[in-house]
């Protein structure tokens, strides 16, 4: 099964996840890696297949807070999620 990693702005997980749900009906969604094109998305990986790896290098946000991360592959974001804490 395929997966990705999308880091969102604080408090925006549900908005990004629901936007990803709507993308599932779009025939071009896979070419966008199921990542909604919106300012609430801070960082994202491409879709990865099993046994593939990807390094995501970024500068952590300067503002302290809890930054949610989710998998936006269709049907995944409600279960596949976590939080990056910036202090």
PDB file of N, CA and C in Angstrom:
ATOM      1  N   UNK A   1       0.841  -1.178   0.000  1.00  0.00           N
ATOM      2  CA  UNK A   1       0.000   0.000   0.000  1.00  0.00           C
ATOM      3  C   UNK A   1       0.887   1.241   0.000  1.00  0.00           C
ATOM      4  N   UNK A   2       0.447   2.272  -0.672  1.00  0.00           N
ATOM      5  CA  UNK A   2       1.214   3.504  -0.782  1.00  0.00           C
ATOM      6  C   UNK A   2       0.913   4.454   0.377  1.00  0.00           C
ATOM      7  N   UNK A   3       1.907   5.323   0.651  1.00  0.00           N
ATOM      8  CA  UNK A   3       1.769   6.309   1.724  1.00  0.00           C
ATOM      9  C   UNK A   3       2.543   7.571   1.359  1.00  0.00           C
ATOM     10  N   UNK A   4       2.230   8.659   2.053  1.00  0.00           N
ATOM     11  CA  UNK A   4       3.023   9.878   1.994  1.00  0.00           C
ATOM     12  C   UNK A   4       3.037  10.498   3.389  1.00  0.00           C
ATOM     13  N   UNK A   5       3.712  11.621   3.518  1.00  0.00           N
ATOM     14  CA  UNK A   5       3.759  12.349   4.785  1.00  0.00           C
ATOM     15  C   UNK A   5       3.521  13.817   4.467  1.00  0.00           C
ATOM     16  N   UNK A   6       2.531  14.399   5.121  1.00  0.00           N
ATOM     17  CA  UNK A   6       2.191  15.803   4.913  1.00  0.00           C
ATOM     18  C   UNK A   6       2.172  16.485   6.275  1.00  0.00           C
ATOM     19  N   UNK A   7       2.976  17.535   6.428  1.00  0.00           N
ATOM     20  CA  UNK A   7       3.013  18.312   7.667  1.00  0.00           C
ATOM     21  C   UNK A   7       2.168  19.562   7.445  1.00  0.00           C
ATOM     22  N   UNK A   8       1.257  19.812   8.394  1.00  0.00           N
ATOM     23  CA  UNK A   8       0.332  20.939   8.249  1.00  0.00           C
ATOM     24  C   UNK A   8       0.601  22.020   9.296  1.00  0.00           C
ATOM     25  N   UNK A   9      -0.007  23.146   9.088  1.00  0.00           N
ATOM     26  CA  UNK A   9       0.019  24.201  10.097  1.00  0.00           C
ATOM     27  C   UNK A   9      -0.760  23.725  11.322  1.00  0.00           C
ATOM     28  N   UNK A  10      -0.445  24.276  12.498  1.00  0.00           N
ATOM     29  CA  UNK A  10      -1.191  23.891  13.703  1.00  0.00           C
ATOM     30  C   UNK A  10      -2.698  24.091  13.513  1.00  0.00           C
ATOM     31  N   UNK A  11      -3.454  23.096  13.961  1.00  0.00           N
ATOM     32  CA  UNK A  11      -4.905  23.182  13.901  1.00  0.00           C
ATOM     33  C   UNK A  11      -5.519  22.980  12.521  1.00  0.00           C
ATOM     34  N   UNK A  12      -4.722  22.604  11.534  1.00  0.00           N
ATOM     35  CA  UNK A  12      -5.225  22.499  10.157  1.00  0.00           C
ATOM     36  C   UNK A  12      -5.294  21.066   9.639  1.00  0.00           C
ATOM     37  N   UNK A  13      -5.045  20.086  10.492  1.00  0.00           N
ATOM     38  CA  UNK A  13      -5.046  18.681  10.075  1.00  0.00           C
ATOM     39  C   UNK A  13      -6.359  18.291   9.416  1.00  0.00           C
ATOM     40  N   UNK A  14      -7.474  18.596  10.058  1.00  0.00           N
ATOM     41  CA  UNK A  14      -8.775  18.187   9.524  1.00  0.00           C
ATOM     42  C   UNK A  14      -9.094  18.881   8.200  1.00  0.00           C
ATOM     43  N   UNK A  15      -8.745  20.138   8.085  1.00  0.00           N
ATOM     44  CA  UNK A  15      -8.996  20.875   6.842  1.00  0.00           C
ATOM     45  C   UNK A  15      -8.206  20.259   5.693  1.00  0.00           C
ATOM     46  N   UNK A  16      -6.926  19.968   5.939  1.00  0.00           N
ATOM     47  CA  UNK A  16      -6.089  19.362   4.898  1.00  0.00           C
ATOM     48  C   UNK A  16      -6.571  17.944   4.597  1.00  0.00           C
ATOM     49  N   UNK A  17      -6.890  17.180   5.630  1.00  0.00           N
ATOM     50  CA  UNK A  17      -7.372  15.816   5.428  1.00  0.00           C
ATOM     51  C   UNK A  17      -8.656  15.766   4.623  1.00  0.00           C
ATOM     52  N   UNK A  18      -9.591  16.643   4.934  1.00  0.00           N
ATOM     53  CA  UNK A  18     -10.857  16.672   4.190  1.00  0.00           C
ATOM     54  C   UNK A  18     -10.640  17.126   2.746  1.00  0.00           C
ATOM     55  N   UNK A  19      -9.692  18.032   2.540  1.00  0.00           N
ATOM     56  CA  UNK A  19      -9.357  18.438   1.169  1.00  0.00           C
ATOM     57  C   UNK A  19      -8.752  17.259   0.406  1.00  0.00           C
ATOM     58  N   UNK A  20      -7.954  16.448   1.094  1.00  0.00           N
ATOM     59  CA  UNK A  20      -7.389  15.250   0.466  1.00  0.00           C
ATOM     60  C   UNK A  20      -8.494  14.259   0.114  1.00  0.00           C
ATOM     61  N   UNK A  21      -9.488  14.116   0.985  1.00  0.00           N
ATOM     62  CA  UNK A  21     -10.628  13.241   0.687  1.00  0.00           C
ATOM     63  C   UNK A  21     -11.313  13.666  -0.614  1.00  0.00           C
ATOM     64  N   UNK A  22     -11.508  14.962  -0.783  1.00  0.00           N
ATOM     65  CA  UNK A  22     -12.163  15.470  -1.994  1.00  0.00           C
ATOM     66  C   UNK A  22     -11.318  15.210  -3.239  1.00  0.00           C
ATOM     67  N   UNK A  23      -9.994  15.195  -3.071  1.00  0.00           N
ATOM     68  CA  UNK A  23      -9.101  14.951  -4.200  1.00  0.00           C
ATOM     69  C   UNK A  23      -9.253  13.546  -4.762  1.00  0.00           C
ATOM     70  N   UNK A  24      -9.672  12.600  -3.951  1.00  0.00           N
ATOM     71  CA  UNK A  24      -9.741  11.200  -4.377  1.00  0.00           C
ATOM     72  C   UNK A  24     -10.597  11.030  -5.630  1.00  0.00           C
ATOM     73  N   UNK A  25     -11.571  11.902  -5.841  1.00  0.00           N
ATOM     74  CA  UNK A  25     -12.433  11.822  -7.021  1.00  0.00           C
ATOM     75  C   UNK A  25     -11.797  12.453  -8.262  1.00  0.00           C
ATOM     76  N   UNK A  26     -10.695  13.156  -8.079  1.00  0.00           N
ATOM     77  CA  UNK A  26     -10.024  13.844  -9.182  1.00  0.00           C
ATOM     78  C   UNK A  26      -9.084  12.878  -9.898  1.00  0.00           C
ATOM     79  N   UNK A  27      -9.232  12.682 -11.204  1.00  0.00           N
ATOM     80  CA  UNK A  27      -8.348  11.759 -11.913  1.00  0.00           C
ATOM     81  C   UNK A  27      -6.882  12.198 -11.913  1.00  0.00           C
ATOM     82  N   UNK A  28      -6.611  13.467 -11.606  1.00  0.00           N
ATOM     83  CA  UNK A  28      -5.233  13.963 -11.561  1.00  0.00           C
ATOM     84  C   UNK A  28      -4.634  13.945 -10.161  1.00  0.00           C
ATOM     85  N   UNK A  29      -5.365  13.460  -9.180  1.00  0.00           N
ATOM     86  CA  UNK A  29      -4.902  13.498  -7.790  1.00  0.00           C
ATOM     87  C   UNK A  29      -3.584  12.757  -7.593  1.00  0.00           C
ATOM     88  N   UNK A  30      -3.415  11.634  -8.255  1.00  0.00           N
ATOM     89  CA  UNK A  30      -2.175  10.860  -8.089  1.00  0.00           C
ATOM     90  C   UNK A  30      -0.965  11.649  -8.576  1.00  0.00           C
ATOM     91  N   UNK A  31      -1.125  12.443  -9.622  1.00  0.00           N
ATOM     92  CA  UNK A  31       0.002  13.235 -10.117  1.00  0.00           C
ATOM     93  C   UNK A  31       0.382  14.331  -9.126  1.00  0.00           C
ATOM     94  N   UNK A  32      -0.546  14.684  -8.242  1.00  0.00           N
ATOM     95  CA  UNK A  32      -0.270  15.663  -7.185  1.00  0.00           C
ATOM     96  C   UNK A  32       0.098  14.975  -5.872  1.00  0.00           C
ATOM     97  N   UNK A  33       0.303  13.649  -5.922  1.00  0.00           N
ATOM     98  CA  UNK A  33       0.652  12.856  -4.735  1.00  0.00           C
ATOM     99  C   UNK A  33      -0.408  12.939  -3.648  1.00  0.00           C
ATOM    100  N   UNK A  34      -1.634  13.227  -4.029  1.00  0.00           N
ATOM    101  CA  UNK A  34      -2.761  13.361  -3.096  1.00  0.00           C
ATOM    102  C   UNK A  34      -2.501  14.440  -2.043  1.00  0.00           C
ATOM    103  N   UNK A  35      -1.704  15.434  -2.402  1.00  0.00           N
ATOM    104  CA  UNK A  35      -1.407  16.548  -1.494  1.00  0.00           C
ATOM    105  C   UNK A  35      -2.217  17.761  -1.947  1.00  0.00           C
ATOM    106  N   UNK A  36      -3.150  18.220  -1.126  1.00  0.00           N
ATOM    107  CA  UNK A  36      -3.929  19.406  -1.499  1.00  0.00           C
ATOM    108  C   UNK A  36      -3.016  20.617  -1.695  1.00  0.00           C
ATOM    109  N   UNK A  37      -3.282  21.373  -2.715  1.00  0.00           N
ATOM    110  CA  UNK A  37      -2.502  22.572  -3.002  1.00  0.00           C
ATOM    111  C   UNK A  37      -3.107  23.733  -2.220  1.00  0.00           C
ATOM    112  N   UNK A  38      -2.649  23.883  -0.977  1.00  0.00           N
ATOM    113  CA  UNK A  38      -3.200  24.912  -0.100  1.00  0.00           C
ATOM    114  C   UNK A  38      -2.120  25.389   0.865  1.00  0.00           C
ATOM    115  N   UNK A  39      -2.268  26.591   1.367  1.00  0.00           N
ATOM    116  CA  UNK A  39      -1.249  27.182   2.240  1.00  0.00           C
ATOM    117  C   UNK A  39      -1.156  26.496   3.600  1.00  0.00           C
ATOM    118  N   UNK A  40      -2.145  25.695   3.970  1.00  0.00           N
ATOM    119  CA  UNK A  40      -2.101  24.978   5.248  1.00  0.00           C
ATOM    120  C   UNK A  40      -1.135  23.800   5.224  1.00  0.00           C
ATOM    121  N   UNK A  41      -0.656  23.411   4.046  1.00  0.00           N
ATOM    122  CA  UNK A  41       0.347  22.350   3.910  1.00  0.00           C
ATOM    123  C   UNK A  41       1.720  23.006   3.965  1.00  0.00           C
ATOM    124  N   UNK A  42       2.545  22.585   4.927  1.00  0.00           N
ATOM    125  CA  UNK A  42       3.887  23.153   5.060  1.00  0.00           C
ATOM    126  C   UNK A  42       4.927  22.360   4.287  1.00  0.00           C
ATOM    127  N   UNK A  43       4.901  21.041   4.413  1.00  0.00           N
ATOM    128  CA  UNK A  43       5.872  20.158   3.772  1.00  0.00           C
ATOM    129  C   UNK A  43       5.169  18.867   3.388  1.00  0.00           C
ATOM    130  N   UNK A  44       5.647  18.218   2.322  1.00  0.00           N
ATOM    131  CA  UNK A  44       5.034  16.950   1.909  1.00  0.00           C
ATOM    132  C   UNK A  44       6.040  16.108   1.134  1.00  0.00           C
ATOM    133  N   UNK A  45       5.873  14.803   1.255  1.00  0.00           N
ATOM    134  CA  UNK A  45       6.663  13.865   0.462  1.00  0.00           C
ATOM    135  C   UNK A  45       5.820  13.414  -0.727  1.00  0.00           C
ATOM    136  N   UNK A  46       6.468  12.824  -1.719  1.00  0.00           N
ATOM    137  CA  UNK A  46       5.676  12.171  -2.765  1.00  0.00           C
ATOM    138  C   UNK A  46       5.056  10.887  -2.215  1.00  0.00           C
ATOM    139  N   UNK A  47       4.170  10.296  -2.969  1.00  0.00           N
ATOM    140  CA  UNK A  47       3.619   8.983  -2.623  1.00  0.00           C
ATOM    141  C   UNK A  47       4.743   7.959  -2.768  1.00  0.00           C
ATOM    142  N   UNK A  48       4.852   7.084  -1.764  1.00  0.00           N
ATOM    143  CA  UNK A  48       5.886   6.046  -1.782  1.00  0.00           C
ATOM    144  C   UNK A  48       5.249   4.670  -1.795  1.00  0.00           C
ATOM    145  N   UNK A  49       5.880   3.762  -2.510  1.00  0.00           N
ATOM    146  CA  UNK A  49       5.465   2.364  -2.533  1.00  0.00           C
ATOM    147  C   UNK A  49       6.120   1.619  -1.377  1.00  0.00           C
ATOM    148  N   UNK A  50       5.625   0.428  -1.041  1.00  0.00           N
ATOM    149  CA  UNK A  50       6.269  -0.367   0.008  1.00  0.00           C
ATOM    150  C   UNK A  50       7.759  -0.549  -0.308  1.00  0.00           C
ATOM    151  N   UNK A  51       8.571  -0.496   0.725  1.00  0.00           N
ATOM    152  CA  UNK A  51      10.029  -0.664   0.642  1.00  0.00           C
ATOM    153  C   UNK A  51      10.761   0.511   0.001  1.00  0.00           C
ATOM    154  N   UNK A  52      10.067   1.573  -0.368  1.00  0.00           N
ATOM    155  CA  UNK A  52      10.734   2.778  -0.847  1.00  0.00           C
ATOM    156  C   UNK A  52      11.039   3.676   0.342  1.00  0.00           C
ATOM    157  N   UNK A  53      12.068   4.490   0.211  1.00  0.00           N
ATOM    158  CA  UNK A  53      12.397   5.466   1.247  1.00  0.00           C
ATOM    159  C   UNK A  53      12.479   6.854   0.613  1.00  0.00           C
ATOM    160  N   UNK A  54      12.378   7.851   1.469  1.00  0.00           N
ATOM    161  CA  UNK A  54      12.465   9.231   1.015  1.00  0.00           C
ATOM    162  C   UNK A  54      12.949  10.064   2.188  1.00  0.00           C
ATOM    163  N   UNK A  55      13.876  10.966   1.949  1.00  0.00           N
ATOM    164  CA  UNK A  55      14.345  11.877   2.993  1.00  0.00           C
ATOM    165  C   UNK A  55      13.677  13.231   2.793  1.00  0.00           C
ATOM    166  N   UNK A  56      13.047  13.698   3.836  1.00  0.00           N
ATOM    167  CA  UNK A  56      12.406  15.010   3.812  1.00  0.00           C
ATOM    168  C   UNK A  56      13.251  15.931   4.679  1.00  0.00           C
ATOM    169  N   UNK A  57      13.923  16.872   4.054  1.00  0.00           N
ATOM    170  CA  UNK A  57      14.755  17.824   4.788  1.00  0.00           C
ATOM    171  C   UNK A  57      14.066  19.183   4.742  1.00  0.00           C
ATOM    172  N   UNK A  58      13.897  19.771   5.913  1.00  0.00           N
ATOM    173  CA  UNK A  58      13.237  21.063   5.991  1.00  0.00           C
ATOM    174  C   UNK A  58      13.718  21.783   7.238  1.00  0.00           C
ATOM    175  N   UNK A  59      13.506  23.077   7.269  1.00  0.00           N
ATOM    176  CA  UNK A  59      13.770  23.864   8.463  1.00  0.00           C
ATOM    177  C   UNK A  59      12.483  23.902   9.270  1.00  0.00           C
ATOM    178  N   UNK A  60      12.581  23.484  10.520  1.00  0.00           N
ATOM    179  CA  UNK A  60      11.392  23.467  11.375  1.00  0.00           C
ATOM    180  C   UNK A  60      10.831  24.882  11.497  1.00  0.00           C
ATOM    181  N   UNK A  61       9.537  24.994  11.616  1.00  0.00           N
ATOM    182  CA  UNK A  61       8.940  26.321  11.788  1.00  0.00           C
ATOM    183  C   UNK A  61       9.547  27.040  12.998  1.00  0.00           C
ATOM    184  N   UNK A  62       9.696  28.340  12.897  1.00  0.00           N
ATOM    185  CA  UNK A  62      10.287  29.107  13.999  1.00  0.00           C
ATOM    186  C   UNK A  62       9.293  29.332  15.140  1.00  0.00           C
ATOM    187  N   UNK A  63       8.022  29.242  14.841  1.00  0.00           N
ATOM    188  CA  UNK A  63       6.996  29.455  15.861  1.00  0.00           C
ATOM    189  C   UNK A  63       6.748  28.159  16.631  1.00  0.00           C
ATOM    190  N   UNK A  64       6.910  28.179  17.968  1.00  0.00           N
ATOM    191  CA  UNK A  64       6.620  26.977  18.758  1.00  0.00           C
ATOM    192  C   UNK A  64       5.163  26.552  18.582  1.00  0.00           C
ATOM    193  N   UNK A  65       4.956  25.255  18.638  1.00  0.00           N
ATOM    194  CA  UNK A  65       3.595  24.744  18.524  1.00  0.00           C
ATOM    195  C   UNK A  65       3.569  23.279  18.170  1.00  0.00           C
ATOM    196  N   UNK A  66       2.376  22.769  17.994  1.00  0.00           N
ATOM    197  CA  UNK A  66       2.164  21.379  17.600  1.00  0.00           C
ATOM    198  C   UNK A  66       1.754  21.359  16.134  1.00  0.00           C
ATOM    199  N   UNK A  67       2.593  20.745  15.318  1.00  0.00           N
ATOM    200  CA  UNK A  67       2.394  20.690  13.879  1.00  0.00           C
ATOM    201  C   UNK A  67       1.975  19.273  13.489  1.00  0.00           C
ATOM    202  N   UNK A  68       0.713  19.078  13.120  1.00  0.00           N
ATOM    203  CA  UNK A  68       0.240  17.741  12.770  1.00  0.00           C
ATOM    204  C   UNK A  68       0.893  17.221  11.489  1.00  0.00           C
ATOM    205  N   UNK A  69       1.045  15.898  11.428  1.00  0.00           N
ATOM    206  CA  UNK A  69       1.413  15.261  10.169  1.00  0.00           C
ATOM    207  C   UNK A  69       0.452  14.117   9.901  1.00  0.00           C
ATOM    208  N   UNK A  70       0.148  13.932   8.615  1.00  0.00           N
ATOM    209  CA  UNK A  70      -0.817  12.920   8.197  1.00  0.00           C
ATOM    210  C   UNK A  70      -0.353  12.270   6.900  1.00  0.00           C
ATOM    211  N   UNK A  71      -0.945  11.138   6.585  1.00  0.00           N
ATOM    212  CA  UNK A  71      -0.821  10.508   5.273  1.00  0.00           C
ATOM    213  C   UNK A  71      -2.087  10.874   4.508  1.00  0.00           C
ATOM    214  N   UNK A  72      -1.929  11.513   3.344  1.00  0.00           N
ATOM    215  CA  UNK A  72      -3.106  11.943   2.593  1.00  0.00           C
ATOM    216  C   UNK A  72      -3.480  10.990   1.458  1.00  0.00           C
ATOM    217  N   UNK A  73      -2.871   9.804   1.421  1.00  0.00           N
ATOM    218  CA  UNK A  73      -3.338   8.795   0.469  1.00  0.00           C
ATOM    219  C   UNK A  73      -4.802   8.521   0.813  1.00  0.00           C
ATOM    220  N   UNK A  74      -5.665   8.345  -0.185  1.00  0.00           N
ATOM    221  CA  UNK A  74      -7.105   8.220   0.092  1.00  0.00           C
ATOM    222  C   UNK A  74      -7.446   7.236   1.215  1.00  0.00           C
ATOM    223  N   UNK A  75      -8.195   7.765   2.183  1.00  0.00           N
ATOM    224  CA  UNK A  75      -8.682   6.959   3.292  1.00  0.00           C
ATOM    225  C   UNK A  75      -7.731   6.796   4.459  1.00  0.00           C
ATOM    226  N   UNK A  76      -6.541   7.378   4.403  1.00  0.00           N
ATOM    227  CA  UNK A  76      -5.538   7.128   5.434  1.00  0.00           C
ATOM    228  C   UNK A  76      -5.473   8.168   6.547  1.00  0.00           C
ATOM    229  N   UNK A  77      -5.765   9.428   6.269  1.00  0.00           N
ATOM    230  CA  UNK A  77      -5.399  10.507   7.198  1.00  0.00           C
ATOM    231  C   UNK A  77      -6.066  10.419   8.562  1.00  0.00           C
ATOM    232  N   UNK A  78      -7.222   9.828   8.667  1.00  0.00           N
ATOM    233  CA  UNK A  78      -7.907   9.772   9.965  1.00  0.00           C
ATOM    234  C   UNK A  78      -7.213   8.828  10.947  1.00  0.00           C
ATOM    235  N   UNK A  79      -6.452   7.871  10.420  1.00  0.00           N
ATOM    236  CA  UNK A  79      -5.757   6.905  11.280  1.00  0.00           C
ATOM    237  C   UNK A  79      -4.251   7.156  11.298  1.00  0.00           C
ATOM    238  N   UNK A  80      -3.683   7.486  10.147  1.00  0.00           N
ATOM    239  CA  UNK A  80      -2.235   7.670  10.036  1.00  0.00           C
ATOM    240  C   UNK A  80      -1.901   9.135  10.284  1.00  0.00           C
ATOM    241  N   UNK A  81      -1.619   9.453  11.541  1.00  0.00           N
ATOM    242  CA  UNK A  81      -1.358  10.836  11.912  1.00  0.00           C
ATOM    243  C   UNK A  81      -0.498  10.899  13.162  1.00  0.00           C
ATOM    244  N   UNK A  82       0.103  12.039  13.359  1.00  0.00           N
ATOM    245  CA  UNK A  82       0.911  12.285  14.545  1.00  0.00           C
ATOM    246  C   UNK A  82       1.144  13.778  14.680  1.00  0.00           C
ATOM    247  N   UNK A  83       2.039  14.145  15.584  1.00  0.00           N
ATOM    248  CA  UNK A  83       2.306  15.561  15.843  1.00  0.00           C
ATOM    249  C   UNK A  83       3.807  15.778  15.987  1.00  0.00           C
ATOM    250  N   UNK A  84       4.317  16.802  15.306  1.00  0.00           N
ATOM    251  CA  UNK A  84       5.689  17.261  15.479  1.00  0.00           C
ATOM    252  C   UNK A  84       5.613  18.460  16.422  1.00  0.00           C
ATOM    253  N   UNK A  85       6.330  18.395  17.535  1.00  0.00           N
ATOM    254  CA  UNK A  85       6.303  19.479  18.518  1.00  0.00           C
ATOM    255  C   UNK A  85       7.535  20.353  18.327  1.00  0.00           C
ATOM    256  N   UNK A  86       7.308  21.637  18.128  1.00  0.00           N
ATOM    257  CA  UNK A  86       8.384  22.619  17.990  1.00  0.00           C
ATOM    258  C   UNK A  86       8.393  23.450  19.260  1.00  0.00           C
ATOM    259  N   UNK A  87       9.551  23.478  19.935  1.00  0.00           N
ATOM    260  CA  UNK A  87       9.688  24.251  21.185  1.00  0.00           C
ATOM    261  C   UNK A  87      10.528  25.483  20.968  1.00  0.00           C
TER     262      UNK A  87
END
